[in-house]
């Protein structure tokens, strides 16, 4: 079944703030991250528990936030991009905290998400992103971080290949459409 994303505004002629656009992207990014985590399971990759599944979702969320930042590099100003990405990341942190509390109990999940985002942002900064999308090292880093989150068991040995060859390209295709539609 295809994932339904919400990338159209109800009142199309209304002006949207960057914070609203960031929130809408975050809503869709959360759905895409969950969908890709579920897809890994359907491809026979194994999660030990909900915490591990959430860790994989976090990697997908961070990847998407950084991809959005790169997608918009030339179409909006640095200040606008910073405002949008900040709103996006804070909303993603809210989604992560809400779902983590439901599944794992009380904790400061929001702060750990933001800390992980900041760490990954510095790591991904070393990788290229072209008009065609992320370079191979950018994608490979996502696959590597997902493999680390899932553990390097025999069952999860080839998760990097699944992420690079299938999941990340499909995710980026959907995310690109969402971002384009929300800015139109």
C-alpha atoms as a PDB file:
ATOM      1  CA  UNK A   1       0.000   0.000   0.000  1.00  0.00           C
ATOM      2  CA  UNK A   2       1.331   3.425  -0.964  1.00  0.00           C
ATOM      3  CA  UNK A   3       2.061   5.941   1.760  1.00  0.00           C
ATOM      4  CA  UNK A   4      -0.222   8.978   1.574  1.00  0.00           C
ATOM      5  CA  UNK A   5       1.589  12.216   2.243  1.00  0.00           C
ATOM      6  CA  UNK A   6       0.046  15.615   2.812  1.00  0.00           C
ATOM      7  CA  UNK A   7       1.807  18.107   0.615  1.00  0.00           C
ATOM      8  CA  UNK A   8      -1.003  20.461  -0.412  1.00  0.00           C
ATOM      9  CA  UNK A   9      -2.331  23.354   1.620  1.00  0.00           C
ATOM     10  CA  UNK A  10      -6.087  23.465   2.240  1.00  0.00           C
ATOM     11  CA  UNK A  11      -6.261  27.204   1.568  1.00  0.00           C
ATOM     12  CA  UNK A  12      -3.799  27.467  -1.281  1.00  0.00           C
ATOM     13  CA  UNK A  13      -3.931  31.251  -1.643  1.00  0.00           C
ATOM     14  CA  UNK A  14      -2.836  31.902   1.960  1.00  0.00           C
ATOM     15  CA  UNK A  15       0.736  32.927   2.673  1.00  0.00           C
ATOM     16  CA  UNK A  16       2.615  30.346   4.792  1.00  0.00           C
ATOM     17  CA  UNK A  17       5.364  31.091   7.277  1.00  0.00           C
ATOM     18  CA  UNK A  18       8.610  29.150   7.194  1.00  0.00           C
ATOM     19  CA  UNK A  19       7.648  27.715  10.577  1.00  0.00           C
ATOM     20  CA  UNK A  20       4.391  26.364   9.120  1.00  0.00           C
ATOM     21  CA  UNK A  21       6.218  24.905   6.131  1.00  0.00           C
ATOM     22  CA  UNK A  22       8.801  23.338   8.465  1.00  0.00           C
ATOM     23  CA  UNK A  23       6.003  21.806  10.524  1.00  0.00           C
ATOM     24  CA  UNK A  24       4.326  20.362   7.436  1.00  0.00           C
ATOM     25  CA  UNK A  25       7.611  18.899   6.214  1.00  0.00           C
ATOM     26  CA  UNK A  26       8.198  17.423   9.688  1.00  0.00           C
ATOM     27  CA  UNK A  27       4.776  15.767   9.674  1.00  0.00           C
ATOM     28  CA  UNK A  28       5.555  14.098   6.345  1.00  0.00           C
ATOM     29  CA  UNK A  29       9.158  13.305   7.309  1.00  0.00           C
ATOM     30  CA  UNK A  30       7.912  11.473  10.405  1.00  0.00           C
ATOM     31  CA  UNK A  31       5.543   9.389   8.266  1.00  0.00           C
ATOM     32  CA  UNK A  32       8.332   8.646   5.769  1.00  0.00           C
ATOM     33  CA  UNK A  33      10.776   7.690   8.534  1.00  0.00           C
ATOM     34  CA  UNK A  34       8.290   5.305  10.120  1.00  0.00           C
ATOM     35  CA  UNK A  35       7.421   3.849   6.715  1.00  0.00           C
ATOM     36  CA  UNK A  36      11.079   3.145   5.936  1.00  0.00           C
ATOM     37  CA  UNK A  37      11.665   1.591   9.383  1.00  0.00           C
ATOM     38  CA  UNK A  38       8.653  -0.684   8.800  1.00  0.00           C
ATOM     39  CA  UNK A  39       9.929  -1.481   5.307  1.00  0.00           C
ATOM     40  CA  UNK A  40      13.261  -2.660   6.725  1.00  0.00           C
ATOM     41  CA  UNK A  41      11.374  -5.062   8.983  1.00  0.00           C
ATOM     42  CA  UNK A  42       9.325  -6.317   6.034  1.00  0.00           C
ATOM     43  CA  UNK A  43      12.601  -7.029   4.202  1.00  0.00           C
ATOM     44  CA  UNK A  44      13.572  -9.382   7.053  1.00  0.00           C
ATOM     45  CA  UNK A  45      15.877  -7.004   8.919  1.00  0.00           C
ATOM     46  CA  UNK A  46      15.342  -7.400  12.649  1.00  0.00           C
ATOM     47  CA  UNK A  47      14.744  -4.983  15.504  1.00  0.00           C
ATOM     48  CA  UNK A  48      15.499  -6.052  19.046  1.00  0.00           C
ATOM     49  CA  UNK A  49      12.885  -3.695  20.516  1.00  0.00           C
ATOM     50  CA  UNK A  50      10.988  -0.424  20.075  1.00  0.00           C
ATOM     51  CA  UNK A  51      13.981   1.632  21.210  1.00  0.00           C
ATOM     52  CA  UNK A  52      16.035   0.224  18.364  1.00  0.00           C
ATOM     53  CA  UNK A  53      13.243   0.907  15.854  1.00  0.00           C
ATOM     54  CA  UNK A  54      12.989   4.500  17.125  1.00  0.00           C
ATOM     55  CA  UNK A  55      16.758   4.887  16.751  1.00  0.00           C
ATOM     56  CA  UNK A  56      16.427   3.917  13.076  1.00  0.00           C
ATOM     57  CA  UNK A  57      13.575   6.406  12.638  1.00  0.00           C
ATOM     58  CA  UNK A  58      15.781   9.107  14.168  1.00  0.00           C
ATOM     59  CA  UNK A  59      18.448   8.453  11.534  1.00  0.00           C
ATOM     60  CA  UNK A  60      15.874   8.740   8.758  1.00  0.00           C
ATOM     61  CA  UNK A  61      14.507  11.972  10.269  1.00  0.00           C
ATOM     62  CA  UNK A  62      17.911  13.592  10.551  1.00  0.00           C
ATOM     63  CA  UNK A  63      18.813  12.528   7.024  1.00  0.00           C
ATOM     64  CA  UNK A  64      15.606  14.132   5.741  1.00  0.00           C
ATOM     65  CA  UNK A  65      16.134  17.398   7.631  1.00  0.00           C
ATOM     66  CA  UNK A  66      19.641  17.694   6.230  1.00  0.00           C
ATOM     67  CA  UNK A  67      18.439  16.779   2.733  1.00  0.00           C
ATOM     68  CA  UNK A  68      15.777  19.517   2.913  1.00  0.00           C
ATOM     69  CA  UNK A  69      18.437  22.011   3.945  1.00  0.00           C
ATOM     70  CA  UNK A  70      20.535  21.027   0.927  1.00  0.00           C
ATOM     71  CA  UNK A  71      17.559  20.959  -1.469  1.00  0.00           C
ATOM     72  CA  UNK A  72      16.729  24.560  -0.623  1.00  0.00           C
ATOM     73  CA  UNK A  73      20.312  25.835  -0.604  1.00  0.00           C
ATOM     74  CA  UNK A  74      19.935  28.001  -3.704  1.00  0.00           C
ATOM     75  CA  UNK A  75      16.216  28.774  -3.605  1.00  0.00           C
ATOM     76  CA  UNK A  76      15.965  30.631  -0.276  1.00  0.00           C
ATOM     77  CA  UNK A  77      18.328  32.841   1.717  1.00  0.00           C
ATOM     78  CA  UNK A  78      20.640  31.503   4.412  1.00  0.00           C
ATOM     79  CA  UNK A  79      18.500  33.166   7.085  1.00  0.00           C
ATOM     80  CA  UNK A  80      15.290  31.663   5.671  1.00  0.00           C
ATOM     81  CA  UNK A  81      16.886  28.237   5.392  1.00  0.00           C
ATOM     82  CA  UNK A  82      18.106  28.432   8.983  1.00  0.00           C
ATOM     83  CA  UNK A  83      14.610  29.422  10.168  1.00  0.00           C
ATOM     84  CA  UNK A  84      12.960  26.619   8.193  1.00  0.00           C
ATOM     85  CA  UNK A  85      15.411  23.912   9.265  1.00  0.00           C
ATOM     86  CA  UNK A  86      15.192  25.023  12.892  1.00  0.00           C
ATOM     87  CA  UNK A  87      11.387  24.788  12.793  1.00  0.00           C
ATOM     88  CA  UNK A  88      11.636  21.422  11.021  1.00  0.00           C
ATOM     89  CA  UNK A  89      14.079  19.942  13.540  1.00  0.00           C
ATOM     90  CA  UNK A  90      12.165  21.221  16.568  1.00  0.00           C
ATOM     91  CA  UNK A  91       8.927  19.741  15.216  1.00  0.00           C
ATOM     92  CA  UNK A  92      10.682  16.443  14.470  1.00  0.00           C
ATOM     93  CA  UNK A  93      11.986  16.474  18.054  1.00  0.00           C
ATOM     94  CA  UNK A  94       8.399  16.942  19.268  1.00  0.00           C
ATOM     95  CA  UNK A  95       7.173  13.985  17.183  1.00  0.00           C
ATOM     96  CA  UNK A  96      10.049  11.854  18.435  1.00  0.00           C
ATOM     97  CA  UNK A  97       9.452  12.775  22.074  1.00  0.00           C
ATOM     98  CA  UNK A  98       5.715  12.118  21.876  1.00  0.00           C
ATOM     99  CA  UNK A  99       6.180   8.698  20.286  1.00  0.00           C
ATOM    100  CA  UNK A 100       9.104   7.745  22.538  1.00  0.00           C
ATOM    101  CA  UNK A 101       7.131   8.543  25.664  1.00  0.00           C
ATOM    102  CA  UNK A 102       4.249   6.427  24.379  1.00  0.00           C
ATOM    103  CA  UNK A 103       6.497   3.462  23.598  1.00  0.00           C
ATOM    104  CA  UNK A 104       9.304   3.759  26.142  1.00  0.00           C
ATOM    105  CA  UNK A 105       7.975   5.805  29.057  1.00  0.00           C
ATOM    106  CA  UNK A 106       9.161   9.065  30.549  1.00  0.00           C
ATOM    107  CA  UNK A 107      12.456  10.610  29.473  1.00  0.00           C
ATOM    108  CA  UNK A 108      14.043  13.657  27.861  1.00  0.00           C
ATOM    109  CA  UNK A 109      13.842  12.357  24.313  1.00  0.00           C
ATOM    110  CA  UNK A 110      13.624  15.802  22.729  1.00  0.00           C
ATOM    111  CA  UNK A 111      17.049  16.847  24.003  1.00  0.00           C
ATOM    112  CA  UNK A 112      18.638  13.573  22.894  1.00  0.00           C
ATOM    113  CA  UNK A 113      17.137  14.010  19.419  1.00  0.00           C
ATOM    114  CA  UNK A 114      18.532  17.539  19.090  1.00  0.00           C
ATOM    115  CA  UNK A 115      21.928  16.391  20.384  1.00  0.00           C
ATOM    116  CA  UNK A 116      22.008  13.580  17.821  1.00  0.00           C
ATOM    117  CA  UNK A 117      20.894  15.963  15.081  1.00  0.00           C
ATOM    118  CA  UNK A 118      23.742  18.368  15.873  1.00  0.00           C
ATOM    119  CA  UNK A 119      26.269  15.529  15.839  1.00  0.00           C
ATOM    120  CA  UNK A 120      24.988  14.132  12.541  1.00  0.00           C
ATOM    121  CA  UNK A 121      24.808  17.585  10.946  1.00  0.00           C
ATOM    122  CA  UNK A 122      28.547  17.981  11.455  1.00  0.00           C
ATOM    123  CA  UNK A 123      29.151  14.491  10.025  1.00  0.00           C
ATOM    124  CA  UNK A 124      26.946  14.960   6.951  1.00  0.00           C
ATOM    125  CA  UNK A 125      28.505  18.393   6.332  1.00  0.00           C
ATOM    126  CA  UNK A 126      31.513  16.578   4.893  1.00  0.00           C
ATOM    127  CA  UNK A 127      29.435  14.889   2.176  1.00  0.00           C
ATOM    128  CA  UNK A 128      28.245  16.371  -1.090  1.00  0.00           C
ATOM    129  CA  UNK A 129      24.748  17.015  -2.349  1.00  0.00           C
ATOM    130  CA  UNK A 130      24.200  17.875  -6.010  1.00  0.00           C
ATOM    131  CA  UNK A 131      21.218  18.904  -8.116  1.00  0.00           C
ATOM    132  CA  UNK A 132      20.582  15.176  -8.594  1.00  0.00           C
ATOM    133  CA  UNK A 133      20.550  14.603  -4.832  1.00  0.00           C
ATOM    134  CA  UNK A 134      22.923  13.240  -2.213  1.00  0.00           C
ATOM    135  CA  UNK A 135      26.264  11.784  -3.203  1.00  0.00           C
ATOM    136  CA  UNK A 136      27.090   8.149  -2.506  1.00  0.00           C
ATOM    137  CA  UNK A 137      29.000   8.996   0.736  1.00  0.00           C
ATOM    138  CA  UNK A 138      25.943  10.970   1.972  1.00  0.00           C
ATOM    139  CA  UNK A 139      23.717   7.915   1.381  1.00  0.00           C
ATOM    140  CA  UNK A 140      26.289   5.499   2.737  1.00  0.00           C
ATOM    141  CA  UNK A 141      26.508   7.448   5.969  1.00  0.00           C
ATOM    142  CA  UNK A 142      22.752   7.054   6.428  1.00  0.00           C
ATOM    143  CA  UNK A 143      23.078   3.313   5.814  1.00  0.00           C
ATOM    144  CA  UNK A 144      25.997   3.065   8.217  1.00  0.00           C
ATOM    145  CA  UNK A 145      24.161   4.921  11.012  1.00  0.00           C
ATOM    146  CA  UNK A 146      21.079   2.745  10.520  1.00  0.00           C
ATOM    147  CA  UNK A 147      23.235  -0.375  10.693  1.00  0.00           C
ATOM    148  CA  UNK A 148      24.821   0.917  13.909  1.00  0.00           C
ATOM    149  CA  UNK A 149      21.354   1.575  15.365  1.00  0.00           C
ATOM    150  CA  UNK A 150      20.163  -1.918  14.400  1.00  0.00           C
ATOM    151  CA  UNK A 151      23.301  -3.715  15.486  1.00  0.00           C
ATOM    152  CA  UNK A 152      25.668  -5.597  13.256  1.00  0.00           C
ATOM    153  CA  UNK A 153      23.991  -8.972  13.604  1.00  0.00           C
ATOM    154  CA  UNK A 154      24.089 -11.469  10.765  1.00  0.00           C
ATOM    155  CA  UNK A 155      20.439 -10.675   9.993  1.00  0.00           C
ATOM    156  CA  UNK A 156      21.155  -6.940   9.614  1.00  0.00           C
ATOM    157  CA  UNK A 157      24.430  -7.349   7.794  1.00  0.00           C
ATOM    158  CA  UNK A 158      23.153  -6.012   4.453  1.00  0.00           C
ATOM    159  CA  UNK A 159      20.971  -3.185   5.739  1.00  0.00           C
ATOM    160  CA  UNK A 160      23.372  -0.575   4.320  1.00  0.00           C
ATOM    161  CA  UNK A 161      22.766  -1.925   0.815  1.00  0.00           C
ATOM    162  CA  UNK A 162      18.986  -1.886   1.311  1.00  0.00           C
ATOM    163  CA  UNK A 163      19.114   1.732   2.493  1.00  0.00           C
ATOM    164  CA  UNK A 164      21.417   2.962  -0.296  1.00  0.00           C
ATOM    165  CA  UNK A 165      19.875   1.024  -3.182  1.00  0.00           C
ATOM    166  CA  UNK A 166      16.186   1.192  -2.348  1.00  0.00           C
ATOM    167  CA  UNK A 167      14.903   2.964   0.754  1.00  0.00           C
ATOM    168  CA  UNK A 168      16.816   6.265   0.623  1.00  0.00           C
ATOM    169  CA  UNK A 169      16.160   6.919  -3.097  1.00  0.00           C
ATOM    170  CA  UNK A 170      12.429   6.254  -2.637  1.00  0.00           C
ATOM    171  CA  UNK A 171      12.325   8.397   0.502  1.00  0.00           C
ATOM    172  CA  UNK A 172      14.112  11.250  -1.296  1.00  0.00           C
ATOM    173  CA  UNK A 173      11.742  11.047  -4.246  1.00  0.00           C
ATOM    174  CA  UNK A 174       8.755  11.436  -1.929  1.00  0.00           C
ATOM    175  CA  UNK A 175      10.415  14.100   0.236  1.00  0.00           C
ATOM    176  CA  UNK A 176      11.405  16.160  -2.812  1.00  0.00           C
ATOM    177  CA  UNK A 177       7.795  16.109  -4.036  1.00  0.00           C
ATOM    178  CA  UNK A 178       6.542  17.181  -0.594  1.00  0.00           C
ATOM    179  CA  UNK A 179       9.002  20.082  -0.337  1.00  0.00           C
ATOM    180  CA  UNK A 180       8.306  21.246  -3.894  1.00  0.00           C
ATOM    181  CA  UNK A 181       4.527  21.124  -3.368  1.00  0.00           C
ATOM    182  CA  UNK A 182       4.657  22.944  -0.038  1.00  0.00           C
ATOM    183  CA  UNK A 183       6.664  25.793  -1.551  1.00  0.00           C
ATOM    184  CA  UNK A 184       4.392  26.137  -4.621  1.00  0.00           C
END
